N, C-alpha and C. Protein backbone atom coordinates (compact mmCIF):
# COMPACT_ATOMS: atom_id res chain seq x y z
N MET A 1 -84.90 118.72 -71.80
CA MET A 1 -84.43 119.34 -71.68
C MET A 1 -83.78 119.32 -70.49
N ALA A 2 -84.00 118.44 -69.41
CA ALA A 2 -82.79 118.47 -68.70
C ALA A 2 -81.21 118.62 -68.56
N PRO A 3 -81.20 117.87 -69.71
CA PRO A 3 -79.34 117.80 -70.39
C PRO A 3 -78.92 119.07 -70.52
N ILE A 4 -80.58 120.38 -70.82
CA ILE A 4 -80.07 121.68 -71.58
C ILE A 4 -79.61 122.34 -70.08
N VAL A 5 -80.34 121.85 -69.63
CA VAL A 5 -80.53 123.05 -68.50
C VAL A 5 -78.81 122.56 -67.37
N HIS A 6 -79.17 121.54 -67.09
CA HIS A 6 -77.61 121.68 -66.62
C HIS A 6 -76.64 121.40 -66.91
N GLY A 7 -76.07 121.71 -68.32
CA GLY A 7 -75.19 121.83 -68.98
C GLY A 7 -74.72 123.44 -68.06
N LEU A 8 -75.99 123.84 -68.59
CA LEU A 8 -76.53 126.14 -68.87
C LEU A 8 -75.68 126.13 -66.95
N GLU A 9 -76.66 125.22 -66.11
CA GLU A 9 -76.19 125.24 -64.91
C GLU A 9 -74.53 125.12 -63.94
N ALA A 10 -73.83 124.10 -65.42
CA ALA A 10 -72.88 123.81 -64.58
C ALA A 10 -71.84 125.59 -65.53
N LEU A 11 -72.34 125.44 -66.37
CA LEU A 11 -71.53 127.22 -66.95
C LEU A 11 -72.08 127.83 -66.09
N TYR A 12 -73.08 128.58 -65.34
CA TYR A 12 -73.41 129.05 -64.91
C TYR A 12 -73.08 129.46 -63.32
N TYR A 13 -72.85 128.07 -62.98
CA TYR A 13 -72.62 128.08 -61.70
C TYR A 13 -72.62 129.62 -60.77
N GLU A 14 -71.24 129.71 -60.72
CA GLU A 14 -71.04 131.04 -59.99
C GLU A 14 -71.84 131.61 -59.77
N ASP A 15 -72.40 132.77 -61.38
CA ASP A 15 -73.31 133.36 -61.02
C ASP A 15 -74.83 133.63 -61.42
N VAL A 16 -75.21 132.79 -61.45
CA VAL A 16 -76.58 131.95 -61.12
C VAL A 16 -77.32 131.18 -60.63
N LYS A 17 -78.46 131.12 -59.48
CA LYS A 17 -78.86 130.17 -59.09
C LYS A 17 -79.80 129.69 -59.84
N PHE A 18 -80.03 128.38 -59.83
CA PHE A 18 -80.47 127.42 -60.70
C PHE A 18 -81.57 126.97 -59.48
N THR A 19 -83.24 126.40 -59.25
CA THR A 19 -83.64 126.01 -58.62
C THR A 19 -84.71 124.94 -59.44
N TYR A 20 -85.34 124.05 -58.48
CA TYR A 20 -86.03 122.99 -59.55
C TYR A 20 -86.63 123.13 -58.43
N LEU A 21 -88.58 123.09 -59.21
CA LEU A 21 -89.69 123.07 -58.06
C LEU A 21 -90.17 121.58 -59.23
N ASP A 22 -90.58 121.43 -57.92
CA ASP A 22 -91.15 119.69 -57.65
C ASP A 22 -92.90 120.37 -58.49
N ILE A 23 -93.31 120.24 -59.60
CA ILE A 23 -94.51 120.66 -59.81
C ILE A 23 -95.38 119.27 -59.38
N ASP A 24 -95.25 118.03 -58.54
CA ASP A 24 -96.32 118.00 -58.22
C ASP A 24 -96.69 118.18 -56.13
N ASP A 25 -95.54 118.41 -56.15
CA ASP A 25 -95.01 118.37 -54.81
C ASP A 25 -96.14 119.53 -54.48
N PRO A 26 -97.12 118.95 -53.13
CA PRO A 26 -98.13 120.53 -52.38
C PRO A 26 -97.05 121.70 -51.98
N ALA A 27 -96.61 121.67 -51.37
CA ALA A 27 -95.62 122.75 -50.70
C ALA A 27 -95.55 124.08 -51.69
N ASN A 28 -95.00 123.46 -53.41
CA ASN A 28 -94.60 124.46 -54.02
C ASN A 28 -95.65 125.08 -54.96
N ARG A 29 -96.58 125.09 -54.60
CA ARG A 29 -98.48 125.05 -55.31
C ARG A 29 -98.72 127.44 -55.21
N GLU A 30 -98.16 127.50 -53.56
CA GLU A 30 -98.43 129.13 -53.48
C GLU A 30 -97.37 129.39 -54.41
N PHE A 31 -96.21 129.10 -54.42
CA PHE A 31 -95.39 129.62 -55.25
C PHE A 31 -95.41 129.66 -56.94
N LYS A 32 -95.79 128.18 -57.86
CA LYS A 32 -96.25 128.15 -58.52
C LYS A 32 -98.14 128.87 -58.81
N ILE A 33 -98.16 129.43 -58.37
CA ILE A 33 -99.24 130.34 -58.15
C ILE A 33 -98.37 132.06 -59.04
N LYS A 34 -97.80 132.30 -57.97
CA LYS A 34 -97.11 133.66 -57.63
C LYS A 34 -96.12 133.87 -59.14
N LEU A 35 -96.10 132.60 -59.60
CA LEU A 35 -95.05 132.61 -60.73
C LEU A 35 -96.27 132.48 -62.44
N GLY A 36 -97.33 132.40 -61.89
CA GLY A 36 -98.14 131.73 -62.88
C GLY A 36 -97.55 130.93 -64.11
N TYR A 37 -97.41 129.81 -63.22
CA TYR A 37 -96.21 128.16 -63.39
C TYR A 37 -97.62 128.06 -64.73
N ARG A 38 -97.83 127.21 -65.50
CA ARG A 38 -98.56 127.22 -66.10
C ARG A 38 -98.58 125.29 -67.00
N VAL A 39 -97.23 124.68 -67.51
CA VAL A 39 -97.41 123.99 -68.12
C VAL A 39 -96.10 123.56 -68.19
N GLN A 40 -95.84 122.09 -68.46
CA GLN A 40 -93.80 121.51 -67.88
C GLN A 40 -93.79 121.56 -69.65
N PRO A 41 -92.25 121.66 -69.80
CA PRO A 41 -91.37 122.73 -69.22
C PRO A 41 -91.98 124.02 -69.44
N HIS A 42 -91.27 125.53 -68.16
CA HIS A 42 -91.60 126.01 -67.94
C HIS A 42 -90.71 126.84 -67.16
N PHE A 43 -89.89 128.07 -67.27
CA PHE A 43 -89.19 128.07 -67.11
C PHE A 43 -88.58 129.76 -67.00
N PHE A 44 -88.29 130.28 -65.99
CA PHE A 44 -88.11 131.42 -65.33
C PHE A 44 -86.95 132.05 -65.09
N LEU A 45 -86.63 132.94 -65.13
CA LEU A 45 -85.26 133.48 -65.33
C LEU A 45 -85.84 135.30 -64.41
N LEU A 46 -85.46 134.49 -63.09
CA LEU A 46 -85.77 135.98 -62.36
C LEU A 46 -84.36 137.24 -61.75
N ASP A 47 -84.80 138.29 -61.27
CA ASP A 47 -83.49 138.54 -60.93
C ASP A 47 -83.25 138.54 -59.02
N GLU A 48 -83.04 139.18 -58.65
CA GLU A 48 -82.21 138.63 -57.41
C GLU A 48 -83.44 139.33 -56.23
N ASP A 49 -84.26 139.94 -56.68
CA ASP A 49 -85.54 140.31 -56.37
C ASP A 49 -86.66 139.19 -56.28
N GLY A 50 -86.62 138.20 -57.79
CA GLY A 50 -87.09 137.90 -57.94
C GLY A 50 -88.79 138.21 -58.90
N THR A 51 -88.02 139.14 -59.44
CA THR A 51 -89.15 140.02 -60.10
C THR A 51 -88.95 138.55 -61.71
N ILE A 52 -89.71 138.71 -62.33
CA ILE A 52 -89.42 137.62 -63.87
C ILE A 52 -89.00 139.13 -64.78
N LEU A 53 -87.77 138.30 -65.38
CA LEU A 53 -86.95 138.80 -66.24
C LEU A 53 -87.50 137.79 -67.58
N LYS A 54 -87.46 136.80 -67.69
CA LYS A 54 -88.33 135.92 -68.55
C LYS A 54 -88.89 135.08 -68.58
N GLN A 55 -89.74 134.56 -69.15
CA GLN A 55 -90.02 133.14 -69.33
C GLN A 55 -90.44 132.62 -70.84
N TRP A 56 -89.88 131.22 -70.28
CA TRP A 56 -89.86 130.27 -71.75
C TRP A 56 -91.85 129.72 -70.71
N VAL A 57 -92.29 129.11 -72.09
CA VAL A 57 -93.26 128.00 -72.09
C VAL A 57 -93.07 126.63 -72.98
N GLY A 58 -92.94 126.10 -73.02
CA GLY A 58 -92.82 124.33 -73.54
C GLY A 58 -91.12 124.79 -74.17
N PRO A 59 -90.72 123.45 -74.37
CA PRO A 59 -88.95 123.28 -75.29
C PRO A 59 -88.32 124.86 -75.64
N VAL A 60 -87.08 125.57 -74.84
CA VAL A 60 -85.98 125.94 -75.61
C VAL A 60 -85.14 125.91 -75.84
N SER A 61 -84.27 126.18 -76.88
CA SER A 61 -82.99 125.49 -77.29
C SER A 61 -81.91 127.06 -76.05
N ALA A 62 -80.72 125.81 -75.79
CA ALA A 62 -79.74 126.16 -74.66
C ALA A 62 -78.93 127.36 -75.79
N GLU A 63 -78.98 127.61 -76.58
CA GLU A 63 -78.37 129.36 -77.28
C GLU A 63 -79.42 129.94 -76.62
N GLU A 64 -80.29 129.95 -76.73
CA GLU A 64 -81.54 131.22 -76.31
C GLU A 64 -81.15 131.20 -75.11
N LEU A 65 -81.06 130.14 -74.56
CA LEU A 65 -81.82 129.82 -72.60
C LEU A 65 -80.12 130.80 -72.67
N ALA A 66 -78.67 130.55 -72.70
CA ALA A 66 -77.74 131.27 -72.76
C ALA A 66 -77.86 132.50 -73.21
N SER A 67 -78.01 133.21 -73.82
CA SER A 67 -78.02 134.39 -74.75
C SER A 67 -79.04 135.80 -73.58
N VAL A 68 -80.16 134.41 -73.51
CA VAL A 68 -80.72 136.25 -71.82
C VAL A 68 -79.82 136.17 -71.15
N ILE A 69 -79.51 134.55 -70.43
CA ILE A 69 -79.06 134.85 -69.47
C ILE A 69 -77.57 135.39 -69.55
N ALA A 70 -76.38 135.65 -70.04
CA ALA A 70 -75.56 136.84 -70.70
C ALA A 70 -75.96 137.68 -70.21
N ARG A 71 -76.91 138.05 -71.55
CA ARG A 71 -77.32 139.78 -70.79
C ARG A 71 -78.13 139.64 -69.59
N ALA A 72 -78.70 139.13 -69.40
CA ALA A 72 -79.06 139.64 -67.05
C ALA A 72 -77.68 139.63 -66.62
N ARG A 73 -76.50 138.96 -66.18
CA ARG A 73 -75.60 138.77 -65.69
C ARG A 73 -75.24 139.97 -65.11
């Protein structure tokens, strides 16, 4: 999934902030709970207020991610 996400990050770098959480870092525990993180990979598209617009659990295609990101911009 990393190559897909990094490719989308390069494509949308001016419009979307990509943030990566280390799931093993205890400092991220509260954030994982707040989002409802379940398994890896688990992707979230948040608006500027932190509201979850869409989430994916498990692998997802670049086309699906790009489509939703483009509609949310």
